[in-house]
Amino acid sequence: MDIKSYCESVGIELTGWKAKLYDVIRRSEKLADNDKDNLDPMVAELKDMVDDLDERIATLARECPAEWSGEKSEIDGKMSKVNDKWKEVWGAMGESEYGIGGA
C-alpha cells in the first residue's frame, strides 16, 4: 500500500471512530441527570478525543508525509486509547440497556 492510500485509509478509520464517539456523547446526553453527572468526566475525555481526531483527519487530508513511522505509531496508540475509552463509556452507560455490541 502506498503512503497516500495509507493516509486515506487512516483518515477513513479515524472518521469512523469520530462518529462512534459522537454517538456515545449523544446517547449520554439523554441519560437522567444523576447518570450524566457520573459520566461527565468520561464524556469530557471523549470530547477531547474527538477534537484530537479532527486535527489528525485535517492533517492527513492536508499532508501525507513520506516519513510516516513516528506519526503512525502515535496514531495507532491514540486509536487504541479511543477504543478503550469508547468501551469504558458504553460499559458505564449499560450496554444491555441500549442494545449496544462491542467495537
Protein backbone atom coordinates (compact mmCIF):
# COMPACT_ATOMS: atom_id res chain seq x y z
CA MET A 1 0.00 0.00 0.00
CA ASP A 2 1.49 3.35 -0.95
CA ILE A 3 1.64 6.16 1.60
CA LYS A 4 -1.20 8.17 0.02
CA SER A 5 -3.53 5.17 0.18
CA TYR A 6 -2.48 4.54 3.75
CA CYS A 7 -3.23 8.15 4.74
CA GLU A 8 -6.65 7.97 3.09
CA SER A 9 -7.38 4.67 4.83
CA VAL A 10 -6.36 6.01 8.23
CA GLY A 11 -8.45 9.15 7.64
CA ILE A 12 -11.50 7.00 6.92
CA GLU A 13 -10.88 4.90 10.02
CA LEU A 14 -10.46 8.00 12.20
CA THR A 15 -13.67 9.45 10.81
CA GLY A 16 -15.47 6.21 11.72
CA TRP A 17 -14.17 6.40 15.29
CA LYS A 18 -15.20 10.03 15.48
CA ALA A 19 -18.75 9.02 14.54
CA LYS A 20 -18.76 6.31 17.22
CA LEU A 21 -17.59 8.80 19.84
CA TYR A 22 -20.27 11.30 18.80
CA ASP A 23 -22.85 8.53 19.16
CA VAL A 24 -21.73 7.81 22.72
CA ILE A 25 -21.75 11.51 23.58
CA ARG A 26 -25.21 11.98 22.09
CA ARG A 27 -26.62 9.00 23.97
CA SER A 28 -25.03 10.11 27.23
CA GLU A 29 -26.85 13.44 26.92
CA LYS A 30 -30.19 11.57 27.02
CA LEU A 31 -29.47 9.94 30.38
CA ALA A 32 -31.02 11.05 33.65
CA ASP A 33 -29.15 13.93 35.30
CA ASN A 34 -27.79 11.67 38.03
CA ASP A 35 -26.33 9.25 35.49
CA LYS A 36 -24.99 12.10 33.35
CA ASP A 37 -23.15 13.55 36.33
CA ASN A 38 -21.39 10.23 36.87
CA LEU A 39 -20.30 10.08 33.22
CA ASP A 40 -19.29 13.72 32.81
CA PRO A 41 -15.52 13.14 33.26
CA MET A 42 -15.51 10.30 30.72
CA VAL A 43 -17.65 12.23 28.25
CA ALA A 44 -15.32 15.23 28.58
CA GLU A 45 -12.42 12.94 27.71
CA LEU A 46 -14.33 11.64 24.68
CA LYS A 47 -14.91 15.21 23.52
CA ASP A 48 -11.17 15.87 23.80
CA MET A 49 -10.53 12.75 21.75
CA VAL A 50 -12.95 13.99 19.08
CA ASP A 51 -11.03 17.26 18.90
CA ASP A 52 -7.77 15.34 18.53
CA LEU A 53 -9.29 13.15 15.81
CA ASP A 54 -10.44 16.28 13.97
CA GLU A 55 -6.88 17.57 13.97
CA ARG A 56 -5.47 14.25 12.76
CA ILE A 57 -8.05 13.95 10.00
CA ALA A 58 -7.30 17.50 8.82
CA THR A 59 -3.57 16.81 8.86
CA LEU A 60 -3.97 13.62 6.86
CA ALA A 61 -6.15 15.41 4.31
CA ARG A 62 -3.74 18.33 4.03
CA GLU A 63 -0.42 16.50 4.06
CA CYS A 64 0.73 12.93 3.99
CA PRO A 65 4.40 12.86 4.99
CA ALA A 66 6.78 10.49 3.25
CA GLU A 67 8.34 9.55 6.60
CA TRP A 68 5.37 8.26 8.49
CA SER A 69 6.65 5.73 11.05
CA GLY A 70 6.65 8.10 14.05
CA GLU A 71 3.23 9.52 13.21
CA LYS A 72 1.83 6.05 12.52
CA SER A 73 2.92 4.79 15.93
CA GLU A 74 1.34 7.80 17.61
CA ILE A 75 -1.94 7.38 15.72
CA ASP A 76 -2.03 3.63 16.45
CA GLY A 77 -1.60 4.41 20.16
CA LYS A 78 -4.37 7.00 20.09
CA MET A 79 -6.67 4.62 18.23
CA SER A 80 -6.14 2.03 20.94
CA LYS A 81 -6.91 4.62 23.63
CA VAL A 82 -10.05 5.78 21.78
CA ASN A 83 -11.25 2.17 21.50
CA ASP A 84 -10.65 1.53 25.21
CA LYS A 85 -12.39 4.75 26.31
CA TRP A 86 -15.32 4.08 23.97
CA LYS A 87 -15.81 0.64 25.52
CA GLU A 88 -15.46 2.07 29.04
CA VAL A 89 -18.16 4.69 28.50
CA TRP A 90 -20.53 2.23 26.83
CA GLY A 91 -20.00 -0.13 29.73
CA ALA A 92 -20.71 2.65 32.24
CA MET A 93 -23.90 3.53 30.36
CA GLY A 94 -25.08 -0.09 30.49
CA GLU A 95 -24.68 -1.85 27.14
CA SER A 96 -27.67 -4.10 27.63
CA GLU A 97 -29.94 -1.12 28.29
CA TYR A 98 -29.01 0.36 24.93
CA GLY A 99 -28.62 -2.86 22.96
CA ILE A 100 -25.06 -1.98 22.08
CA GLY A 101 -22.48 -4.50 20.92
CA GLY A 102 -18.69 -4.37 21.04
CA ALA A 103 -16.37 -2.41 18.79
